[in-house]
C-alpha atoms as a PDB file:
ATOM      1  CA  MET A   1       2.483  11.418 -22.855  1.00  0.00           C
ATOM      2  CA  GLU A   2       5.793  12.550 -24.282  1.00  0.00           C
ATOM      3  CA  PRO A   3       8.172  13.058 -21.250  1.00  0.00           C
ATOM      4  CA  GLU A   4      10.317  16.049 -22.348  1.00  0.00           C
ATOM      5  CA  MET A   5       5.993  17.692 -23.287  1.00  0.00           C
ATOM      6  CA  GLU A   6       5.571  16.494 -19.601  1.00  0.00           C
ATOM      7  CA  LYS A   7       8.126  18.959 -18.126  1.00  0.00           C
ATOM      8  CA  THR A   8       6.299  21.537 -20.312  1.00  0.00           C
ATOM      9  CA  LEU A   9       3.512  21.328 -18.930  1.00  0.00           C
ATOM     10  CA  VAL A  10       4.491  20.560 -15.764  1.00  0.00           C
ATOM     11  CA  ARG A  11       6.328  23.657 -16.030  1.00  0.00           C
ATOM     12  CA  ARG A  12       3.827  26.113 -16.998  1.00  0.00           C
ATOM     13  CA  ALA A  13       1.087  24.292 -14.406  1.00  0.00           C
ATOM     14  CA  ALA A  14       3.178  24.934 -11.882  1.00  0.00           C
ATOM     15  CA  GLU A  15       3.347  28.711 -12.938  1.00  0.00           C
ATOM     16  CA  GLY A  16      -0.320  28.673 -12.743  1.00  0.00           C
ATOM     17  CA  ASP A  17      -1.011  27.265 -15.666  1.00  0.00           C
ATOM     18  CA  GLY A  18      -4.709  25.589 -15.362  1.00  0.00           C
ATOM     19  CA  THR A  19      -5.080  24.561 -18.853  1.00  0.00           C
ATOM     20  CA  CYS A  20      -1.613  22.782 -18.948  1.00  0.00           C
ATOM     21  CA  PHE A  21      -2.671  21.260 -15.141  1.00  0.00           C
ATOM     22  CA  GLU A  22      -5.856  20.282 -16.887  1.00  0.00           C
ATOM     23  CA  GLN A  23      -4.032  18.405 -19.556  1.00  0.00           C
ATOM     24  CA  LEU A  24      -1.398  16.666 -17.287  1.00  0.00           C
ATOM     25  CA  ILE A  25      -4.779  15.636 -14.434  1.00  0.00           C
ATOM     26  CA  THR A  26      -6.505  14.159 -17.787  1.00  0.00           C
ATOM     27  CA  ASP A  27      -3.691  11.870 -19.328  1.00  0.00           C
ATOM     28  CA  CYS A  28      -3.856   9.964 -15.854  1.00  0.00           C
ATOM     29  CA  ALA A  29      -6.796  10.313 -15.041  1.00  0.00           C
ATOM     30  CA  GLY A  30      -8.158   6.757 -15.839  1.00  0.00           C
ATOM     31  CA  GLN A  31      -5.200   5.276 -14.158  1.00  0.00           C
ATOM     32  CA  THR A  32      -5.825   7.581 -11.382  1.00  0.00           C
ATOM     33  CA  TYR A  33      -9.253   6.636 -10.745  1.00  0.00           C
ATOM     34  CA  ALA A  34      -8.617   2.440 -11.463  1.00  0.00           C
ATOM     35  CA  LEU A  35      -6.145   2.972  -8.851  1.00  0.00           C
ATOM     36  CA  ALA A  36      -8.576   4.624  -6.485  1.00  0.00           C
ATOM     37  CA  LEU A  37     -11.217   1.974  -6.821  1.00  0.00           C
ATOM     38  CA  ARG A  38      -9.477  -1.114  -6.320  1.00  0.00           C
ATOM     39  CA  MET A  39      -7.953   0.284  -3.205  1.00  0.00           C
ATOM     40  CA  LEU A  40     -11.483   1.476  -1.830  1.00  0.00           C
ATOM     41  CA  LYS A  41     -13.758  -0.848  -4.127  1.00  0.00           C
ATOM     42  CA  ASP A  42     -16.462   2.239  -3.572  1.00  0.00           C
ATOM     43  CA  PRO A  43     -16.524   4.271  -6.889  1.00  0.00           C
ATOM     44  CA  GLN A  44     -17.711   7.495  -4.859  1.00  0.00           C
ATOM     45  CA  ASP A  45     -14.932   6.902  -2.717  1.00  0.00           C
ATOM     46  CA  ALA A  46     -12.830   6.380  -5.249  1.00  0.00           C
ATOM     47  CA  GLU A  47     -13.978   9.963  -6.780  1.00  0.00           C
ATOM     48  CA  ASP A  48     -13.633  11.833  -3.758  1.00  0.00           C
ATOM     49  CA  ALA A  49     -10.133  10.085  -3.480  1.00  0.00           C
ATOM     50  CA  VAL A  50      -9.283  11.427  -6.768  1.00  0.00           C
ATOM     51  CA  GLN A  51     -11.193  14.615  -6.334  1.00  0.00           C
ATOM     52  CA  ASP A  52      -8.498  15.321  -2.718  1.00  0.00           C
ATOM     53  CA  ALA A  53      -5.201  13.816  -4.712  1.00  0.00           C
ATOM     54  CA  MET A  54      -5.405  16.304  -7.843  1.00  0.00           C
ATOM     55  CA  ILE A  55      -6.036  19.210  -4.846  1.00  0.00           C
ATOM     56  CA  LYS A  56      -3.094  18.544  -3.291  1.00  0.00           C
ATOM     57  CA  ALA A  57      -1.528  18.624  -6.487  1.00  0.00           C
ATOM     58  CA  TRP A  58      -2.762  21.782  -7.573  1.00  0.00           C
ATOM     59  CA  ARG A  59      -1.386  22.940  -4.778  1.00  0.00           C
ATOM     60  CA  ALA A  60       1.780  20.747  -4.008  1.00  0.00           C
ATOM     61  CA  LEU A  61       2.918  21.649  -7.705  1.00  0.00           C
ATOM     62  CA  PRO A  62       5.307  24.239  -7.677  1.00  0.00           C
ATOM     63  CA  GLY A  63       7.545  22.304  -5.373  1.00  0.00           C
ATOM     64  CA  PHE A  64       7.811  19.083  -7.232  1.00  0.00           C
ATOM     65  CA  LYS A  65      11.099  18.551  -8.440  1.00  0.00           C
ATOM     66  CA  GLY A  66      10.780  16.079 -11.453  1.00  0.00           C
ATOM     67  CA  ASP A  67      12.380  13.367  -9.796  1.00  0.00           C
ATOM     68  CA  CYS A  68       9.888  11.470 -11.321  1.00  0.00           C
ATOM     69  CA  ARG A  69       7.069  10.944 -14.287  1.00  0.00           C
ATOM     70  CA  PHE A  70       4.165  13.219 -12.865  1.00  0.00           C
ATOM     71  CA  SER A  71       2.153  10.357 -13.181  1.00  0.00           C
ATOM     72  CA  THR A  72       4.056   8.751 -10.780  1.00  0.00           C
ATOM     73  CA  TRP A  73       4.197  11.454  -8.424  1.00  0.00           C
ATOM     74  CA  VAL A  74      -0.090  11.823  -8.845  1.00  0.00           C
ATOM     75  CA  PHE A  75      -0.242   8.457  -8.637  1.00  0.00           C
ATOM     76  CA  ARG A  76       1.459   8.331  -4.866  1.00  0.00           C
ATOM     77  CA  LEU A  77      -0.518  11.723  -3.923  1.00  0.00           C
ATOM     78  CA  THR A  78      -3.933   9.428  -4.690  1.00  0.00           C
ATOM     79  CA  TYR A  79      -1.830   6.645  -2.121  1.00  0.00           C
ATOM     80  CA  ASN A  80      -2.275   8.180   0.455  1.00  0.00           C
ATOM     81  CA  THR A  81      -5.438   9.689   0.263  1.00  0.00           C
ATOM     82  CA  CYS A  82      -6.677   6.232  -0.598  1.00  0.00           C
ATOM     83  CA  LEU A  83      -4.746   4.861   2.497  1.00  0.00           C
ATOM     84  CA  ASP A  84      -5.670   7.463   4.684  1.00  0.00           C
ATOM     85  CA  ALA A  85      -9.134   6.926   4.440  1.00  0.00           C
ATOM     86  CA  LEU A  86      -8.225   2.641   4.410  1.00  0.00           C
ATOM     87  CA  ARG A  87      -7.368   4.015   7.988  1.00  0.00           C
ATOM     88  CA  ARG A  88      -9.898   4.762   8.966  1.00  0.00           C
ATOM     89  CA  ARG A  89     -12.378   2.229   7.373  1.00  0.00           C
ATOM     90  CA  GLN A  90     -10.417  -0.402   8.659  1.00  0.00           C
ATOM     91  CA  ARG A  91      -8.753  -0.047  11.821  1.00  0.00           C
ATOM     92  CA  GLY A  92     -10.007  -3.739  13.019  1.00  0.00           C
ATOM     93  CA  GLN A  93      -9.387  -5.340  10.215  1.00  0.00           C
ATOM     94  CA  VAL A  94      -6.569  -8.108  10.365  1.00  0.00           C
ATOM     95  CA  LEU A  95      -4.004  -9.005   7.795  1.00  0.00           C
ATOM     96  CA  SER A  96      -3.819 -12.028   5.681  1.00  0.00           C
ATOM     97  CA  LEU A  97       0.212 -12.826   5.709  1.00  0.00           C
ATOM     98  CA  THR A  98      -0.383 -14.469   2.446  1.00  0.00           C
ATOM     99  CA  ARG A  99       3.236 -15.183   0.919  1.00  0.00           C
ATOM    100  CA  GLU A 100       4.549 -16.211  -2.320  1.00  0.00           C
ATOM    101  CA  ASP A 101       5.757 -19.859  -4.208  1.00  0.00           C
ATOM    102  CA  ASP A 102       7.656 -21.181  -5.910  1.00  0.00           C
ATOM    103  CA  ASP A 103       4.614 -20.923  -8.621  1.00  0.00           C
ATOM    104  CA  ASP A 104       4.122 -17.699  -8.349  1.00  0.00           C
ATOM    105  CA  GLY A 105       1.496 -18.118  -6.548  1.00  0.00           C
ATOM    106  CA  GLU A 106       0.332 -17.686  -2.883  1.00  0.00           C
ATOM    107  CA  ARG A 107      -0.091 -19.570   0.423  1.00  0.00           C
ATOM    108  CA  GLN A 108      -1.356 -18.792   2.786  1.00  0.00           C
ATOM    109  CA  ALA A 109      -0.257 -18.246   6.317  1.00  0.00           C
ATOM    110  CA  GLU A 110      -2.582 -16.399   7.353  1.00  0.00           C
ATOM    111  CA  VAL A 111      -4.057 -15.819  11.215  1.00  0.00           C
ATOM    112  CA  PRO A 112      -7.301 -18.195  11.563  1.00  0.00           C
ATOM    113  CA  ASP A 113     -10.382 -17.415  12.561  1.00  0.00           C
ATOM    114  CA  PRO A 114     -11.162 -17.087  16.304  1.00  0.00           C
ATOM    115  CA  SER A 115     -13.159 -19.727  17.587  1.00  0.00           C
ATOM    116  CA  PRO A 116     -16.467 -18.295  19.548  1.00  0.00           C
ATOM    117  CA  GLY A 117     -14.490 -18.815  23.055  1.00  0.00           C
ATOM    118  CA  PRO A 118     -14.444 -15.683  24.829  1.00  0.00           C
ATOM    119  CA  GLU A 119      -9.868 -16.809  24.938  1.00  0.00           C
ATOM    120  CA  GLU A 120      -9.923 -16.975  20.987  1.00  0.00           C
ATOM    121  CA  ALA A 121     -11.588 -14.239  20.596  1.00  0.00           C
ATOM    122  CA  LEU A 122      -9.433 -12.187  23.303  1.00  0.00           C
ATOM    123  CA  LEU A 123      -6.167 -14.058  21.097  1.00  0.00           C
ATOM    124  CA  ALA A 124      -7.580 -12.566  18.165  1.00  0.00           C
ATOM    125  CA  LYS A 125      -7.953  -9.047  20.030  1.00  0.00           C
ATOM    126  CA  GLU A 126      -4.919  -9.081  21.195  1.00  0.00           C
ATOM    127  CA  ARG A 127      -3.315 -10.335  17.745  1.00  0.00           C
ATOM    128  CA  ALA A 128      -4.882  -7.695  15.809  1.00  0.00           C
ATOM    129  CA  GLU A 129      -3.418  -4.741  18.121  1.00  0.00           C
ATOM    130  CA  ILE A 130       0.203  -6.380  17.485  1.00  0.00           C
ATOM    131  CA  LEU A 131      -0.437  -6.019  14.055  1.00  0.00           C
ATOM    132  CA  ARG A 132      -1.765  -2.718  13.630  1.00  0.00           C
ATOM    133  CA  ARG A 133       1.441  -1.575  15.925  1.00  0.00           C
ATOM    134  CA  GLU A 134       3.988  -3.652  14.510  1.00  0.00           C
ATOM    135  CA  MET A 135       1.982  -1.877  10.747  1.00  0.00           C
ATOM    136  CA  GLU A 136       3.478   1.344  11.893  1.00  0.00           C
ATOM    137  CA  LYS A 137       6.550   0.404  12.707  1.00  0.00           C
ATOM    138  CA  LEU A 138       7.160  -1.238   9.379  1.00  0.00           C
ATOM    139  CA  SER A 139       8.913   1.477   6.788  1.00  0.00           C
ATOM    140  CA  GLU A 140       6.910   3.536   4.162  1.00  0.00           C
ATOM    141  CA  LYS A 141       8.759   1.969   1.366  1.00  0.00           C
ATOM    142  CA  LEU A 142       6.819  -2.098   2.760  1.00  0.00           C
ATOM    143  CA  ARG A 143       4.035  -0.491   4.367  1.00  0.00           C
ATOM    144  CA  ALA A 144       3.236   0.775   1.358  1.00  0.00           C
ATOM    145  CA  PRO A 145       3.251  -2.465  -1.238  1.00  0.00           C
ATOM    146  CA  LEU A 146       1.297  -4.034   1.485  1.00  0.00           C
ATOM    147  CA  VAL A 147      -1.434  -1.731   2.472  1.00  0.00           C
ATOM    148  CA  MET A 148      -2.454  -1.669  -1.428  1.00  0.00           C
ATOM    149  CA  ARG A 149      -1.824  -5.197  -1.476  1.00  0.00           C
ATOM    150  CA  GLU A 150      -3.986  -6.671   1.800  1.00  0.00           C
ATOM    151  CA  LEU A 151      -6.270  -3.883   1.454  1.00  0.00           C
ATOM    152  CA  GLY A 152      -6.380  -2.483  -1.732  1.00  0.00           C
ATOM    153  CA  GLY A 153      -6.674  -5.442  -3.514  1.00  0.00           C
ATOM    154  CA  CYS A 154      -3.994  -3.775  -6.345  1.00  0.00           C
ATOM    155  CA  SER A 155      -2.434  -6.041  -8.160  1.00  0.00           C
ATOM    156  CA  TYR A 156       1.104  -6.069  -8.610  1.00  0.00           C
ATOM    157  CA  GLU A 157       1.808  -3.794 -11.754  1.00  0.00           C
ATOM    158  CA  GLU A 158      -0.619  -1.388  -9.747  1.00  0.00           C
ATOM    159  CA  ILE A 159       1.237  -0.988  -7.104  1.00  0.00           C
ATOM    160  CA  ALA A 160       4.150  -0.901  -9.215  1.00  0.00           C
ATOM    161  CA  ASN A 161       3.334   2.144 -11.656  1.00  0.00           C
ATOM    162  CA  ALA A 162       2.160   3.892  -8.309  1.00  0.00           C
ATOM    163  CA  LEU A 163       5.166   4.031  -6.459  1.00  0.00           C
ATOM    164  CA  GLY A 164       7.535   3.875  -9.286  1.00  0.00           C
ATOM    165  CA  ILE A 165       9.377  -0.019  -8.654  1.00  0.00           C
ATOM    166  CA  SER A 166       9.527  -2.585 -10.227  1.00  0.00           C
ATOM    167  CA  VAL A 167       7.320  -5.809 -10.204  1.00  0.00           C
ATOM    168  CA  GLY A 168       9.765  -8.114  -8.368  1.00  0.00           C
ATOM    169  CA  THR A 169      10.379  -4.913  -6.299  1.00  0.00           C
ATOM    170  CA  VAL A 170       7.228  -4.453  -4.849  1.00  0.00           C
ATOM    171  CA  LYS A 171       7.116  -8.683  -4.361  1.00  0.00           C
ATOM    172  CA  SER A 172      10.659  -8.429  -2.364  1.00  0.00           C
ATOM    173  CA  ARG A 173       9.208  -5.816  -0.806  1.00  0.00           C
ATOM    174  CA  ILE A 174       5.262  -7.704   0.613  1.00  0.00           C
ATOM    175  CA  ALA A 175       6.984 -10.378   1.341  1.00  0.00           C
ATOM    176  CA  ARG A 176       9.289  -8.702   3.259  1.00  0.00           C
ATOM    177  CA  ALA A 177       6.765  -6.885   4.917  1.00  0.00           C
ATOM    178  CA  ARG A 178       4.632  -9.879   5.811  1.00  0.00           C
ATOM    179  CA  GLU A 179       7.643 -11.997   7.698  1.00  0.00           C
ATOM    180  CA  ASN A 180       7.877  -8.684   9.885  1.00  0.00           C
ATOM    181  CA  LEU A 181       4.387  -9.525  10.742  1.00  0.00           C
ATOM    182  CA  ALA A 182       4.415 -12.551  11.025  1.00  0.00           C
ATOM    183  CA  GLU A 183       7.634 -12.547  13.112  1.00  0.00           C
ATOM    184  CA  ALA A 184       6.384 -10.191  15.853  1.00  0.00           C
ATOM    185  CA  LEU A 185       3.453 -12.622  15.938  1.00  0.00           C
ATOM    186  CA  VAL A 186       5.904 -15.196  16.972  1.00  0.00           C
ATOM    187  CA  ARG A 187       7.696 -12.863  19.459  1.00  0.00           C
ATOM    188  CA  GLU A 188       3.694 -12.362  20.891  1.00  0.00           C
ATOM    189  CA  GLY A 189       3.119 -16.147  20.685  1.00  0.00           C
ATOM    190  CA  THR A 190      -0.042 -15.095  19.052  1.00  0.00           C
ATOM    191  CA  PHE A 191       0.405 -16.508  15.831  1.00  0.00           C
ATOM    192  CA  PRO A 192      -1.443 -21.101  16.081  1.00  0.00           C
ATOM    193  CA  GLY A 193       1.448 -23.034  15.399  1.00  0.00           C
ATOM    194  CA  ARG A 194       4.535 -21.115  14.677  1.00  0.00           C
ATOM    195  CA  THR A 195       7.098 -21.402  17.144  1.00  0.00           C
ATOM    196  CA  ARG A 196      10.321 -19.599  17.035  1.00  0.00           C
ATOM    197  CA  GLN A 197      13.773 -21.629  16.027  1.00  0.00           C
ATOM    198  CA  LYS A 198      17.317 -21.048  16.328  1.00  0.00           C
ATOM    199  CA  SER A 199      18.902 -20.956  12.589  1.00  0.00           C
ATOM    200  CA  GLY A 200      22.349 -22.481  11.231  1.00  0.00           C
ATOM    201  CA  LYS A 201      23.843 -18.274  12.462  1.00  0.00           C
ATOM    202  CA  GLY A 202      22.334 -18.186  15.403  1.00  0.00           C
ATOM    203  CA  GLY A 203      19.447 -16.146  14.822  1.00  0.00           C
ATOM    204  CA  ASP A 204      15.741 -16.800  15.370  1.00  0.00           C
ATOM    205  CA  ARG A 205      13.930 -17.643  12.183  1.00  0.00           C
ATOM    206  CA  ILE A 206      10.101 -18.395  11.595  1.00  0.00           C
END
């Protein structure tokens, strides 16, 4: 949809024109549902999330300032709705701390699965709690792409479209978020095989 046409439809929809709003939603419905399905991995949950996001969009439309494309704004609403669902569903899930390699692939730096022993089980529980706590400390710009990638299984392109940023920025923010979480595990002594080392400038690195 052309930007000028979109602006006209948004203005009319904000004034209460349901037909214009329906046209706006129809234009981005496919991508919005795809995003929800990738994040939630369940068709019914994805439909519910999209419906909730559309209701939120209709109610909030009068306050939409137009500082981004309407589709991007709706993607963000959908993302937030899906994120709430993921938080309820996956509170006990430990994120994989994969990292980008030089060939644009990913190598694992994840916390190993615990052995049946009680000590390892306790360590895994502590690890999960630390990750949950540190996730809440991340800024939204770092947390959003990480959650979409790790818990939602979204591609870099889908994350970029949803958040209105470039693919390169998505990769950079995810890498920074993973480093922050890994450093937290090292500080707490719950990341096996990793030790704190002093950098040449006197800082800590992992």
